[in-house]
């Protein structure tokens, strides 16, 4: 349909060449094949690993995968819904929080500093 519109005489001066597909697809099967081969989404998947305390939650509040020791999920999949902007900054925040949680659980205990008594 887009090709048919671009082929109208009023639009011919704006059209330089076809990018992809280079030839018109007229049959449903060839259109379906083309879509399966080349279509992709610009959206970032979110919400596939629910965080929470209920039985449907995949990760707990510290991003630990339920039932698998030593594994955390640190990406947009723990976000409940797609935000209106880019997911990059929120995922960085999730990663920073996860790093803090991991360090809290794996850091060796700190030694108390000796107070020097100088008089």
PDB file of N, CA and C in Angstrom:
ATOM      1  N   UNK A   1       0.824  -1.181   0.000  1.00  0.00           N
ATOM      2  CA  UNK A   1       0.000   0.000   0.000  1.00  0.00           C
ATOM      3  C   UNK A   1       0.883   1.264   0.000  1.00  0.00           C
ATOM      4  N   UNK A   2       1.956   1.242   0.768  1.00  0.00           N
ATOM      5  CA  UNK A   2       2.862   2.389   0.798  1.00  0.00           C
ATOM      6  C   UNK A   2       3.491   2.615  -0.572  1.00  0.00           C
ATOM      7  N   UNK A   3       3.849   1.534  -1.251  1.00  0.00           N
ATOM      8  CA  UNK A   3       4.407   1.671  -2.597  1.00  0.00           C
ATOM      9  C   UNK A   3       3.399   2.282  -3.554  1.00  0.00           C
ATOM     10  N   UNK A   4       2.153   1.835  -3.449  1.00  0.00           N
ATOM     11  CA  UNK A   4       1.110   2.379  -4.326  1.00  0.00           C
ATOM     12  C   UNK A   4       0.962   3.885  -4.113  1.00  0.00           C
ATOM     13  N   UNK A   5       1.042   4.311  -2.864  1.00  0.00           N
ATOM     14  CA  UNK A   5       0.933   5.746  -2.572  1.00  0.00           C
ATOM     15  C   UNK A   5       2.132   6.488  -3.151  1.00  0.00           C
ATOM     16  N   UNK A   6       3.343   5.966  -2.925  1.00  0.00           N
ATOM     17  CA  UNK A   6       4.544   6.630  -3.430  1.00  0.00           C
ATOM     18  C   UNK A   6       4.643   6.628  -4.952  1.00  0.00           C
ATOM     19  N   UNK A   7       3.956   5.727  -5.610  1.00  0.00           N
ATOM     20  CA  UNK A   7       4.001   5.663  -7.070  1.00  0.00           C
ATOM     21  C   UNK A   7       3.032   6.651  -7.724  1.00  0.00           C
ATOM     22  N   UNK A   8       2.261   7.360  -6.945  1.00  0.00           N
ATOM     23  CA  UNK A   8       1.335   8.352  -7.517  1.00  0.00           C
ATOM     24  C   UNK A   8       2.132   9.495  -8.145  1.00  0.00           C
ATOM     25  N   UNK A   9       1.656  10.028  -9.259  1.00  0.00           N
ATOM     26  CA  UNK A   9       2.399  11.083  -9.974  1.00  0.00           C
ATOM     27  C   UNK A   9       2.787  12.281  -9.089  1.00  0.00           C
ATOM     28  N   UNK A  10       1.947  12.682  -8.162  1.00  0.00           N
ATOM     29  CA  UNK A  10       2.243  13.848  -7.326  1.00  0.00           C
ATOM     30  C   UNK A  10       3.427  13.612  -6.396  1.00  0.00           C
ATOM     31  N   UNK A  11       3.755  12.360  -6.125  1.00  0.00           N
ATOM     32  CA  UNK A  11       4.854  12.049  -5.205  1.00  0.00           C
ATOM     33  C   UNK A  11       6.115  11.566  -5.914  1.00  0.00           C
ATOM     34  N   UNK A  12       6.064  11.364  -7.216  1.00  0.00           N
ATOM     35  CA  UNK A  12       7.212  10.812  -7.941  1.00  0.00           C
ATOM     36  C   UNK A  12       8.474  11.644  -7.789  1.00  0.00           C
ATOM     37  N   UNK A  13       8.357  12.964  -7.704  1.00  0.00           N
ATOM     38  CA  UNK A  13       9.567  13.792  -7.603  1.00  0.00           C
ATOM     39  C   UNK A  13      10.294  13.610  -6.261  1.00  0.00           C
ATOM     40  N   UNK A  14       9.604  13.088  -5.232  1.00  0.00           N
ATOM     41  CA  UNK A  14      10.208  12.871  -3.922  1.00  0.00           C
ATOM     42  C   UNK A  14      10.837  11.483  -3.775  1.00  0.00           C
ATOM     43  N   UNK A  15      10.465  10.607  -4.663  1.00  0.00           N
ATOM     44  CA  UNK A  15      10.929   9.226  -4.554  1.00  0.00           C
ATOM     45  C   UNK A  15      12.195   9.036  -5.372  1.00  0.00           C
ATOM     46  N   UNK A  16      13.275   8.602  -4.679  1.00  0.00           N
ATOM     47  CA  UNK A  16      14.557   8.401  -5.365  1.00  0.00           C
ATOM     48  C   UNK A  16      14.769   6.939  -5.751  1.00  0.00           C
ATOM     49  N   UNK A  17      14.598   6.022  -4.791  1.00  0.00           N
ATOM     50  CA  UNK A  17      14.749   4.595  -5.068  1.00  0.00           C
ATOM     51  C   UNK A  17      14.147   3.788  -3.918  1.00  0.00           C
ATOM     52  N   UNK A  18      13.904   2.507  -4.198  1.00  0.00           N
ATOM     53  CA  UNK A  18      13.379   1.618  -3.174  1.00  0.00           C
ATOM     54  C   UNK A  18      14.525   1.070  -2.358  1.00  0.00           C
ATOM     55  N   UNK A  19      14.337   0.989  -1.042  1.00  0.00           N
ATOM     56  CA  UNK A  19      15.357   0.433  -0.173  1.00  0.00           C
ATOM     57  C   UNK A  19      15.155  -1.054   0.022  1.00  0.00           C
ATOM     58  N   UNK A  20      14.093  -1.413   0.721  1.00  0.00           N
ATOM     59  CA  UNK A  20      13.902  -2.819   1.041  1.00  0.00           C
ATOM     60  C   UNK A  20      12.426  -3.078   1.287  1.00  0.00           C
ATOM     61  N   UNK A  21      11.800  -3.970   0.629  1.00  0.00           N
ATOM     62  CA  UNK A  21      12.314  -4.785  -0.473  1.00  0.00           C
ATOM     63  C   UNK A  21      12.449  -3.950  -1.744  1.00  0.00           C
ATOM     64  N   UNK A  22      13.350  -4.349  -2.592  1.00  0.00           N
ATOM     65  CA  UNK A  22      13.596  -3.584  -3.810  1.00  0.00           C
ATOM     66  C   UNK A  22      12.494  -3.756  -4.847  1.00  0.00           C
ATOM     67  N   UNK A  23      11.777  -4.838  -4.747  1.00  0.00           N
ATOM     68  CA  UNK A  23      10.651  -5.048  -5.666  1.00  0.00           C
ATOM     69  C   UNK A  23       9.368  -5.145  -4.851  1.00  0.00           C
ATOM     70  N   UNK A  24       8.270  -4.816  -5.478  1.00  0.00           N
ATOM     71  CA  UNK A  24       6.981  -4.860  -4.795  1.00  0.00           C
ATOM     72  C   UNK A  24       6.595  -6.292  -4.458  1.00  0.00           C
ATOM     73  N   UNK A  25       6.030  -6.472  -3.282  1.00  0.00           N
ATOM     74  CA  UNK A  25       5.543  -7.780  -2.862  1.00  0.00           C
ATOM     75  C   UNK A  25       4.033  -7.787  -3.066  1.00  0.00           C
ATOM     76  N   UNK A  26       3.558  -8.658  -3.943  1.00  0.00           N
ATOM     77  CA  UNK A  26       2.141  -8.651  -4.305  1.00  0.00           C
ATOM     78  C   UNK A  26       1.346  -9.797  -3.696  1.00  0.00           C
ATOM     79  N   UNK A  27       2.023 -10.838  -3.223  1.00  0.00           N
ATOM     80  CA  UNK A  27       1.319 -11.996  -2.685  1.00  0.00           C
ATOM     81  C   UNK A  27       1.451 -12.023  -1.165  1.00  0.00           C
ATOM     82  N   UNK A  28       0.398 -12.442  -0.491  1.00  0.00           N
ATOM     83  CA  UNK A  28       0.416 -12.488   0.972  1.00  0.00           C
ATOM     84  C   UNK A  28       1.569 -13.331   1.507  1.00  0.00           C
ATOM     85  N   UNK A  29       1.852 -14.435   0.870  1.00  0.00           N
ATOM     86  CA  UNK A  29       2.920 -15.300   1.373  1.00  0.00           C
ATOM     87  C   UNK A  29       4.272 -14.598   1.305  1.00  0.00           C
ATOM     88  N   UNK A  30       4.552 -13.863   0.237  1.00  0.00           N
ATOM     89  CA  UNK A  30       5.832 -13.159   0.141  1.00  0.00           C
ATOM     90  C   UNK A  30       5.880 -11.983   1.114  1.00  0.00           C
ATOM     91  N   UNK A  31       4.748 -11.336   1.369  1.00  0.00           N
ATOM     92  CA  UNK A  31       4.696 -10.256   2.359  1.00  0.00           C
ATOM     93  C   UNK A  31       4.954 -10.828   3.748  1.00  0.00           C
ATOM     94  N   UNK A  32       4.301 -11.940   4.086  1.00  0.00           N
ATOM     95  CA  UNK A  32       4.503 -12.581   5.390  1.00  0.00           C
ATOM     96  C   UNK A  32       5.957 -13.006   5.576  1.00  0.00           C
ATOM     97  N   UNK A  33       6.555 -13.586   4.536  1.00  0.00           N
ATOM     98  CA  UNK A  33       7.951 -14.017   4.611  1.00  0.00           C
ATOM     99  C   UNK A  33       8.863 -12.821   4.847  1.00  0.00           C
ATOM    100  N   UNK A  34       8.630 -11.746   4.115  1.00  0.00           N
ATOM    101  CA  UNK A  34       9.445 -10.536   4.280  1.00  0.00           C
ATOM    102  C   UNK A  34       9.324  -9.994   5.707  1.00  0.00           C
ATOM    103  N   UNK A  35       8.112  -9.919   6.221  1.00  0.00           N
ATOM    104  CA  UNK A  35       7.901  -9.401   7.578  1.00  0.00           C
ATOM    105  C   UNK A  35       8.611 -10.276   8.597  1.00  0.00           C
ATOM    106  N   UNK A  36       8.506 -11.585   8.473  1.00  0.00           N
ATOM    107  CA  UNK A  36       9.177 -12.490   9.418  1.00  0.00           C
ATOM    108  C   UNK A  36      10.693 -12.335   9.376  1.00  0.00           C
ATOM    109  N   UNK A  37      11.239 -12.041   8.204  1.00  0.00           N
ATOM    110  CA  UNK A  37      12.686 -11.920   8.071  1.00  0.00           C
ATOM    111  C   UNK A  37      13.220 -10.565   8.538  1.00  0.00           C
ATOM    112  N   UNK A  38      12.446  -9.503   8.378  1.00  0.00           N
ATOM    113  CA  UNK A  38      12.998  -8.166   8.588  1.00  0.00           C
ATOM    114  C   UNK A  38      12.344  -7.334   9.683  1.00  0.00           C
ATOM    115  N   UNK A  39      11.179  -7.703  10.145  1.00  0.00           N
ATOM    116  CA  UNK A  39      10.506  -6.877  11.154  1.00  0.00           C
ATOM    117  C   UNK A  39      11.184  -7.010  12.502  1.00  0.00           C
ATOM    118  N   UNK A  40      11.273  -5.915  13.205  1.00  0.00           N
ATOM    119  CA  UNK A  40      11.795  -5.927  14.562  1.00  0.00           C
ATOM    120  C   UNK A  40      11.136  -4.794  15.336  1.00  0.00           C
ATOM    121  N   UNK A  41      11.205  -4.896  16.620  1.00  0.00           N
ATOM    122  CA  UNK A  41      10.580  -3.882  17.451  1.00  0.00           C
ATOM    123  C   UNK A  41      11.610  -2.879  17.930  1.00  0.00           C
ATOM    124  N   UNK A  42      11.178  -1.651  18.138  1.00  0.00           N
ATOM    125  CA  UNK A  42      12.078  -0.645  18.693  1.00  0.00           C
ATOM    126  C   UNK A  42      11.894  -0.543  20.190  1.00  0.00           C
ATOM    127  N   UNK A  43      10.933  -1.273  20.718  1.00  0.00           N
ATOM    128  CA  UNK A  43      10.662  -1.208  22.141  1.00  0.00           C
ATOM    129  C   UNK A  43      11.524  -2.202  22.897  1.00  0.00           C
ATOM    130  N   UNK A  44      11.810  -1.852  24.128  1.00  0.00           N
ATOM    131  CA  UNK A  44      12.612  -2.709  24.984  1.00  0.00           C
ATOM    132  C   UNK A  44      11.687  -3.593  25.796  1.00  0.00           C
ATOM    133  N   UNK A  45      11.907  -4.893  25.789  1.00  0.00           N
ATOM    134  CA  UNK A  45      11.035  -5.773  26.562  1.00  0.00           C
ATOM    135  C   UNK A  45      11.142  -5.490  28.053  1.00  0.00           C
ATOM    136  N   UNK A  46      10.011  -5.402  28.686  1.00  0.00           N
ATOM    137  CA  UNK A  46       9.953  -5.229  30.130  1.00  0.00           C
ATOM    138  C   UNK A  46       8.879  -6.155  30.672  1.00  0.00           C
ATOM    139  N   UNK A  47       8.915  -6.367  31.983  1.00  0.00           N
ATOM    140  CA  UNK A  47       7.822  -7.056  32.642  1.00  0.00           C
ATOM    141  C   UNK A  47       7.799  -8.565  32.561  1.00  0.00           C
ATOM    142  N   UNK A  48       8.837  -9.192  32.058  1.00  0.00           N
ATOM    143  CA  UNK A  48       8.794 -10.654  31.946  1.00  0.00           C
ATOM    144  C   UNK A  48       9.269 -11.362  33.211  1.00  0.00           C
ATOM    145  N   UNK A  49       9.860 -10.629  34.148  1.00  0.00           N
ATOM    146  CA  UNK A  49      10.346 -11.223  35.406  1.00  0.00           C
ATOM    147  C   UNK A  49       9.823 -10.403  36.575  1.00  0.00           C
ATOM    148  N   UNK A  50       8.609 -10.672  36.932  1.00  0.00           N
ATOM    149  CA  UNK A  50       7.955  -9.903  37.988  1.00  0.00           C
ATOM    150  C   UNK A  50       8.752  -9.910  39.285  1.00  0.00           C
ATOM    151  N   UNK A  51       8.843  -8.720  39.899  1.00  0.00           N
ATOM    152  CA  UNK A  51       9.505  -8.592  41.185  1.00  0.00           C
ATOM    153  C   UNK A  51       8.435  -8.463  42.254  1.00  0.00           C
ATOM    154  N   UNK A  52       8.596  -9.153  43.352  1.00  0.00           N
ATOM    155  CA  UNK A  52       7.642  -9.033  44.436  1.00  0.00           C
ATOM    156  C   UNK A  52       7.728 -10.185  45.410  1.00  0.00           C
ATOM    157  N   UNK A  53       6.712 -10.279  46.244  1.00  0.00           N
ATOM    158  CA  UNK A  53       6.687 -11.305  47.288  1.00  0.00           C
ATOM    159  C   UNK A  53       5.611 -12.364  47.040  1.00  0.00           C
ATOM    160  N   UNK A  54       4.776 -12.185  46.035  1.00  0.00           N
ATOM    161  CA  UNK A  54       3.694 -13.138  45.784  1.00  0.00           C
ATOM    162  C   UNK A  54       4.186 -14.351  44.995  1.00  0.00           C
ATOM    163  N   UNK A  55       3.311 -15.316  44.801  1.00  0.00           N
ATOM    164  CA  UNK A  55       3.707 -16.577  44.147  1.00  0.00           C
ATOM    165  C   UNK A  55       4.045 -16.409  42.664  1.00  0.00           C
ATOM    166  N   UNK A  56       3.616 -15.321  42.046  1.00  0.00           N
ATOM    167  CA  UNK A  56       3.914 -15.089  40.633  1.00  0.00           C
ATOM    168  C   UNK A  56       5.241 -14.341  40.423  1.00  0.00           C
ATOM    169  N   UNK A  57       5.844 -13.871  41.495  1.00  0.00           N
ATOM    170  CA  UNK A  57       7.075 -13.093  41.381  1.00  0.00           C
ATOM    171  C   UNK A  57       8.255 -13.994  41.031  1.00  0.00           C
ATOM    172  N   UNK A  58       9.048 -13.562  40.068  1.00  0.00           N
ATOM    173  CA  UNK A  58      10.245 -14.285  39.645  1.00  0.00           C
ATOM    174  C   UNK A  58      11.426 -13.904  40.525  1.00  0.00           C
ATOM    175  N   UNK A  59      11.505 -12.616  40.882  1.00  0.00           N
ATOM    176  CA  UNK A  59      12.599 -12.136  41.723  1.00  0.00           C
ATOM    177  C   UNK A  59      12.046 -11.467  42.976  1.00  0.00           C
ATOM    178  N   UNK A  60      12.863 -11.493  44.038  1.00  0.00           N
ATOM    179  CA  UNK A  60      12.455 -10.818  45.267  1.00  0.00           C
ATOM    180  C   UNK A  60      12.900  -9.353  45.225  1.00  0.00           C
ATOM    181  N   UNK A  61      12.727  -8.641  46.318  1.00  0.00           N
ATOM    182  CA  UNK A  61      13.040  -7.214  46.351  1.00  0.00           C
ATOM    183  C   UNK A  61      14.538  -6.923  46.235  1.00  0.00           C
ATOM    184  N   UNK A  62      15.368  -7.963  46.339  1.00  0.00           N
ATOM    185  CA  UNK A  62      16.807  -7.797  46.150  1.00  0.00           C
ATOM    186  C   UNK A  62      17.265  -8.397  44.814  1.00  0.00           C
ATOM    187  N   UNK A  63      16.322  -8.587  43.901  1.00  0.00           N
ATOM    188  CA  UNK A  63      16.576  -9.042  42.527  1.00  0.00           C
ATOM    189  C   UNK A  63      17.057 -10.486  42.440  1.00  0.00           C
ATOM    190  N   UNK A  64      16.940 -11.240  43.525  1.00  0.00           N
ATOM    191  CA  UNK A  64      17.360 -12.645  43.534  1.00  0.00           C
ATOM    192  C   UNK A  64      16.268 -13.504  42.906  1.00  0.00           C
ATOM    193  N   UNK A  65      16.671 -14.395  42.016  1.00  0.00           N
ATOM    194  CA  UNK A  65      15.719 -15.301  41.378  1.00  0.00           C
ATOM    195  C   UNK A  65      15.276 -16.328  42.406  1.00  0.00           C
ATOM    196  N   UNK A  66      13.981 -16.461  42.535  1.00  0.00           N
ATOM    197  CA  UNK A  66      13.433 -17.400  43.511  1.00  0.00           C
ATOM    198  C   UNK A  66      13.793 -18.835  43.120  1.00  0.00           C
ATOM    199  N   UNK A  67      14.317 -19.581  44.067  1.00  0.00           N
ATOM    200  CA  UNK A  67      14.621 -20.986  43.844  1.00  0.00           C
ATOM    201  C   UNK A  67      15.970 -21.269  43.222  1.00  0.00           C
ATOM    202  N   UNK A  68      16.745 -20.226  42.886  1.00  0.00           N
ATOM    203  CA  UNK A  68      18.070 -20.438  42.298  1.00  0.00           C
ATOM    204  C   UNK A  68      19.075 -19.596  43.076  1.00  0.00           C
ATOM    205  N   UNK A  69      19.893 -20.237  43.823  1.00  0.00           N
ATOM    206  CA  UNK A  69      20.862 -19.545  44.652  1.00  0.00           C
ATOM    207  C   UNK A  69      21.940 -18.884  43.799  1.00  0.00           C
ATOM    208  N   UNK A  70      22.283 -17.652  44.137  1.00  0.00           N
ATOM    209  CA  UNK A  70      23.387 -16.961  43.471  1.00  0.00           C
ATOM    210  C   UNK A  70      23.044 -16.322  42.144  1.00  0.00           C
ATOM    211  N   UNK A  71      21.779 -16.251  41.785  1.00  0.00           N
ATOM    212  CA  UNK A  71      21.398 -15.660  40.503  1.00  0.00           C
ATOM    213  C   UNK A  71      20.473 -14.476  40.732  1.00  0.00           C
ATOM    214  N   UNK A  72      20.769 -13.367  40.081  1.00  0.00           N
ATOM    215  CA  UNK A  72      19.921 -12.174  40.137  1.00  0.00           C
ATOM    216  C   UNK A  72      19.581 -11.753  38.716  1.00  0.00           C
ATOM    217  N   UNK A  73      18.486 -11.060  38.590  1.00  0.00           N
ATOM    218  CA  UNK A  73      18.106 -10.496  37.294  1.00  0.00           C
ATOM    219  C   UNK A  73      18.266  -8.988  37.401  1.00  0.00           C
ATOM    220  N   UNK A  74      19.086  -8.443  36.513  1.00  0.00           N
ATOM    221  CA  UNK A  74      19.437  -7.025  36.568  1.00  0.00           C
ATOM    222  C   UNK A  74      19.243  -6.425  35.179  1.00  0.00           C
ATOM    223  N   UNK A  75      18.000  -6.265  34.776  1.00  0.00           N
ATOM    224  CA  UNK A  75      17.711  -5.645  33.486  1.00  0.00           C
ATOM    225  C   UNK A  75      16.275  -5.133  33.477  1.00  0.00           C
ATOM    226  N   UNK A  76      15.798  -4.688  32.333  1.00  0.00           N
ATOM    227  CA  UNK A  76      14.469  -4.089  32.228  1.00  0.00           C
ATOM    228  C   UNK A  76      13.342  -5.091  32.438  1.00  0.00           C
ATOM    229  N   UNK A  77      13.639  -6.369  32.441  1.00  0.00           N
ATOM    230  CA  UNK A  77      12.573  -7.355  32.595  1.00  0.00           C
ATOM    231  C   UNK A  77      11.913  -7.290  33.967  1.00  0.00           C
ATOM    232  N   UNK A  78      12.575  -6.702  34.972  1.00  0.00           N
ATOM    233  CA  UNK A  78      11.948  -6.585  36.290  1.00  0.00           C
ATOM    234  C   UNK A  78      11.019  -5.376  36.370  1.00  0.00           C
ATOM    235  N   UNK A  79      11.077  -4.483  35.386  1.00  0.00           N
ATOM    236  CA  UNK A  79      10.198  -3.308  35.380  1.00  0.00           C
ATOM    237  C   UNK A  79       8.772  -3.762  35.065  1.00  0.00           C
ATOM    238  N   UNK A  80       7.785  -3.275  35.812  1.00  0.00           N
ATOM    239  CA  UNK A  80       6.421  -3.775  35.607  1.00  0.00           C
ATOM    240  C   UNK A  80       5.789  -3.369  34.279  1.00  0.00           C
ATOM    241  N   UNK A  81       6.120  -2.184  33.778  1.00  0.00           N
ATOM    242  CA  UNK A  81       5.559  -1.717  32.510  1.00  0.00           C
ATOM    243  C   UNK A  81       6.608  -0.919  31.755  1.00  0.00           C
ATOM    244  N   UNK A  82       6.379  -0.731  30.472  1.00  0.00           N
ATOM    245  CA  UNK A  82       7.285   0.063  29.640  1.00  0.00           C
ATOM    246  C   UNK A  82       7.095   1.530  29.977  1.00  0.00           C
ATOM    247  N   UNK A  83       8.178   2.218  30.236  1.00  0.00           N
ATOM    248  CA  UNK A  83       8.101   3.642  30.543  1.00  0.00           C
ATOM    249  C   UNK A  83       7.949   4.436  29.254  1.00  0.00           C
ATOM    250  N   UNK A  84       7.614   5.709  29.368  1.00  0.00           N
ATOM    251  CA  UNK A  84       7.388   6.514  28.166  1.00  0.00           C
ATOM    252  C   UNK A  84       8.684   6.959  27.502  1.00  0.00           C
ATOM    253  N   UNK A  85       9.806   6.863  28.201  1.00  0.00           N
ATOM    254  CA  UNK A  85      11.086   7.243  27.614  1.00  0.00           C
ATOM    255  C   UNK A  85      11.971   6.043  27.381  1.00  0.00           C
ATOM    256  N   UNK A  86      13.240   6.324  27.114  1.00  0.00           N
ATOM    257  CA  UNK A  86      14.210   5.259  26.902  1.00  0.00           C
ATOM    258  C   UNK A  86      14.459   4.520  28.211  1.00  0.00           C
ATOM    259  N   UNK A  87      14.686   3.238  28.137  1.00  0.00           N
ATOM    260  CA  UNK A  87      14.900   2.426  29.337  1.00  0.00           C
ATOM    261  C   UNK A  87      16.357   2.426  29.816  1.00  0.00           C
ATOM    262  N   UNK A  88      17.243   3.088  29.113  1.00  0.00           N
ATOM    263  CA  UNK A  88      18.659   3.054  29.465  1.00  0.00           C
ATOM    264  C   UNK A  88      18.913   3.550  30.889  1.00  0.00           C
ATOM    265  N   UNK A  89      18.471   4.743  31.241  1.00  0.00           N
ATOM    266  CA  UNK A  89      18.744   5.301  32.562  1.00  0.00           C
ATOM    267  C   UNK A  89      18.120   4.452  33.679  1.00  0.00           C
ATOM    268  N   UNK A  90      16.856   4.023  33.558  1.00  0.00           N
ATOM    269  CA  UNK A  90      16.317   3.169  34.615  1.00  0.00           C
ATOM    270  C   UNK A  90      17.080   1.852  34.777  1.00  0.00           C
ATOM    271  N   UNK A  91      17.551   1.275  33.691  1.00  0.00           N
ATOM    272  CA  UNK A  91      18.312   0.022  33.790  1.00  0.00           C
ATOM    273  C   UNK A  91      19.665   0.278  34.458  1.00  0.00           C
ATOM    274  N   UNK A  92      20.263   1.420  34.189  1.00  0.00           N
ATOM    275  CA  UNK A  92      21.512   1.766  34.884  1.00  0.00           C
ATOM    276  C   UNK A  92      21.243   1.886  36.383  1.00  0.00           C
ATOM    277  N   UNK A  93      20.123   2.503  36.758  1.00  0.00           N
ATOM    278  CA  UNK A  93      19.767   2.626  38.179  1.00  0.00           C
ATOM    279  C   UNK A  93      19.537   1.244  38.802  1.00  0.00           C
ATOM    280  N   UNK A  94      18.876   0.370  38.066  1.00  0.00           N
ATOM    281  CA  UNK A  94      18.653  -0.999  38.547  1.00  0.00           C
ATOM    282  C   UNK A  94      20.004  -1.692  38.748  1.00  0.00           C
ATOM    283  N   UNK A  95      20.912  -1.516  37.802  1.00  0.00           N
ATOM    284  CA  UNK A  95      22.232  -2.148  37.900  1.00  0.00           C
ATOM    285  C   UNK A  95      23.028  -1.603  39.083  1.00  0.00           C
ATOM    286  N   UNK A  96      22.942  -0.299  39.311  1.00  0.00           N
ATOM    287  CA  UNK A  96      23.649   0.286  40.455  1.00  0.00           C
ATOM    288  C   UNK A  96      23.084  -0.248  41.765  1.00  0.00           C
ATOM    289  N   UNK A  97      21.775  -0.364  41.853  1.00  0.00           N
ATOM    290  CA  UNK A  97      21.142  -0.914  43.048  1.00  0.00           C
ATOM    291  C   UNK A  97      21.568  -2.375  43.236  1.00  0.00           C
ATOM    292  N   UNK A  98      21.574  -3.132  42.157  1.00  0.00           N
ATOM    293  CA  UNK A  98      21.987  -4.539  42.240  1.00  0.00           C
ATOM    294  C   UNK A  98      23.431  -4.650  42.694  1.00  0.00           C
ATOM    295  N   UNK A  99      24.301  -3.801  42.169  1.00  0.00           N
ATOM    296  CA  UNK A  99      25.708  -3.833  42.579  1.00  0.00           C
ATOM    297  C   UNK A  99      25.827  -3.573  44.079  1.00  0.00           C
ATOM    298  N   UNK A 100      25.078  -2.601  44.574  1.00  0.00           N
ATOM    299  CA  UNK A 100      25.103  -2.305  46.011  1.00  0.00           C
ATOM    300  C   UNK A 100      24.595  -3.495  46.824  1.00  0.00           C
ATOM    301  N   UNK A 101      23.536  -4.138  46.348  1.00  0.00           N
ATOM    302  CA  UNK A 101      22.994  -5.304  47.048  1.00  0.00           C
ATOM    303  C   UNK A 101      24.000  -6.456  47.053  1.00  0.00           C
ATOM    304  N   UNK A 102      24.638  -6.685  45.922  1.00  0.00           N
ATOM    305  CA  UNK A 102      25.620  -7.772  45.818  1.00  0.00           C
ATOM    306  C   UNK A 102      26.812  -7.495  46.724  1.00  0.00           C
ATOM    307  N   UNK A 103      27.305  -6.271  46.698  1.00  0.00           N
ATOM    308  CA  UNK A 103      28.445  -5.927  47.547  1.00  0.00           C
ATOM    309  C   UNK A 103      28.089  -6.036  49.026  1.00  0.00           C
ATOM    310  N   UNK A 104      26.870  -5.681  49.372  1.00  0.00           N
ATOM    311  CA  UNK A 104      26.433  -5.786  50.765  1.00  0.00           C
ATOM    312  C   UNK A 104      26.468  -7.236  51.235  1.00  0.00           C
ATOM    313  N   UNK A 105      26.098  -8.154  50.332  1.00  0.00           N
ATOM    314  CA  UNK A 105      26.035  -9.570  50.699  1.00  0.00           C
ATOM    315  C   UNK A 105      27.370 -10.292  50.574  1.00  0.00           C
ATOM    316  N   UNK A 106      28.300  -9.746  49.811  1.00  0.00           N
ATOM    317  CA  UNK A 106      29.549 -10.460  49.575  1.00  0.00           C
ATOM    318  C   UNK A 106      30.766  -9.779  50.182  1.00  0.00           C
ATOM    319  N   UNK A 107      30.614  -8.558  50.627  1.00  0.00           N
ATOM    320  CA  UNK A 107      31.762  -7.833  51.182  1.00  0.00           C
ATOM    321  C   UNK A 107      32.181  -8.451  52.511  1.00  0.00           C
ATOM    322  N   UNK A 108      33.484  -8.556  52.710  1.00  0.00           N
ATOM    323  CA  UNK A 108      33.946  -9.079  54.000  1.00  0.00           C
ATOM    324  C   UNK A 108      33.593  -8.087  55.099  1.00  0.00           C
ATOM    325  N   UNK A 109      33.435  -8.575  56.316  1.00  0.00           N
ATOM    326  CA  UNK A 109      33.103  -7.655  57.402  1.00  0.00           C
ATOM    327  C   UNK A 109      34.217  -6.639  57.593  1.00  0.00           C
ATOM    328  N   UNK A 110      33.825  -5.433  57.876  1.00  0.00           N
ATOM    329  CA  UNK A 110      34.827  -4.388  58.071  1.00  0.00           C
ATOM    330  C   UNK A 110      35.368  -4.459  59.490  1.00  0.00           C
ATOM    331  N   UNK A 111      36.630  -4.170  59.610  1.00  0.00           N
ATOM    332  CA  UNK A 111      37.266  -4.157  60.930  1.00  0.00           C
ATOM    333  C   UNK A 111      37.095  -2.778  61.541  1.00  0.00           C
ATOM    334  N   UNK A 112      36.935  -2.776  62.813  1.00  0.00           N
ATOM    335  CA  UNK A 112      36.833  -1.505  63.520  1.00  0.00           C
ATOM    336  C   UNK A 112      38.209  -0.842  63.503  1.00  0.00           C
ATOM    337  N   UNK A 113      38.218   0.429  63.276  1.00  0.00           N
ATOM    338  CA  UNK A 113      39.484   1.171  63.277  1.00  0.00           C
ATOM    339  C   UNK A 113      39.986   1.322  64.699  1.00  0.00           C
ATOM    340  N   UNK A 114      41.290   1.173  64.826  1.00  0.00           N
ATOM    341  CA  UNK A 114      41.907   1.382  66.133  1.00  0.00           C
ATOM    342  C   UNK A 114      42.037   2.886  66.366  1.00  0.00           C
ATOM    343  N   UNK A 115      41.645   3.293  67.493  1.00  0.00           N
ATOM    344  CA  UNK A 115      41.767   4.703  67.841  1.00  0.00           C
ATOM    345  C   UNK A 115      43.086   4.897  68.535  1.00  0.00           C
ATOM    346  N   UNK A 116      43.921   5.707  67.940  1.00  0.00           N
ATOM    347  CA  UNK A 116      45.223   5.938  68.568  1.00  0.00           C
ATOM    348  C   UNK A 116      45.056   6.974  69.681  1.00  0.00           C
ATOM    349  N   UNK A 117      45.706   6.702  70.728  1.00  0.00           N
ATOM    350  CA  UNK A 117      45.613   7.610  71.866  1.00  0.00           C
ATOM    351  C   UNK A 117      46.931   8.372  71.969  1.00  0.00           C
ATOM    352  N   UNK A 118      46.868   9.561  71.548  1.00  0.00           N
ATOM    353  CA  UNK A 118      48.052  10.422  71.679  1.00  0.00           C
ATOM    354  C   UNK A 118      47.678  11.567  72.591  1.00  0.00           C
ATOM    355  N   UNK A 119      48.527  11.819  73.516  1.00  0.00           N
ATOM    356  CA  UNK A 119      48.236  12.888  74.476  1.00  0.00           C
ATOM    357  C   UNK A 119      49.397  13.807  74.613  1.00  0.00           C
TER     358      UNK A 119
END
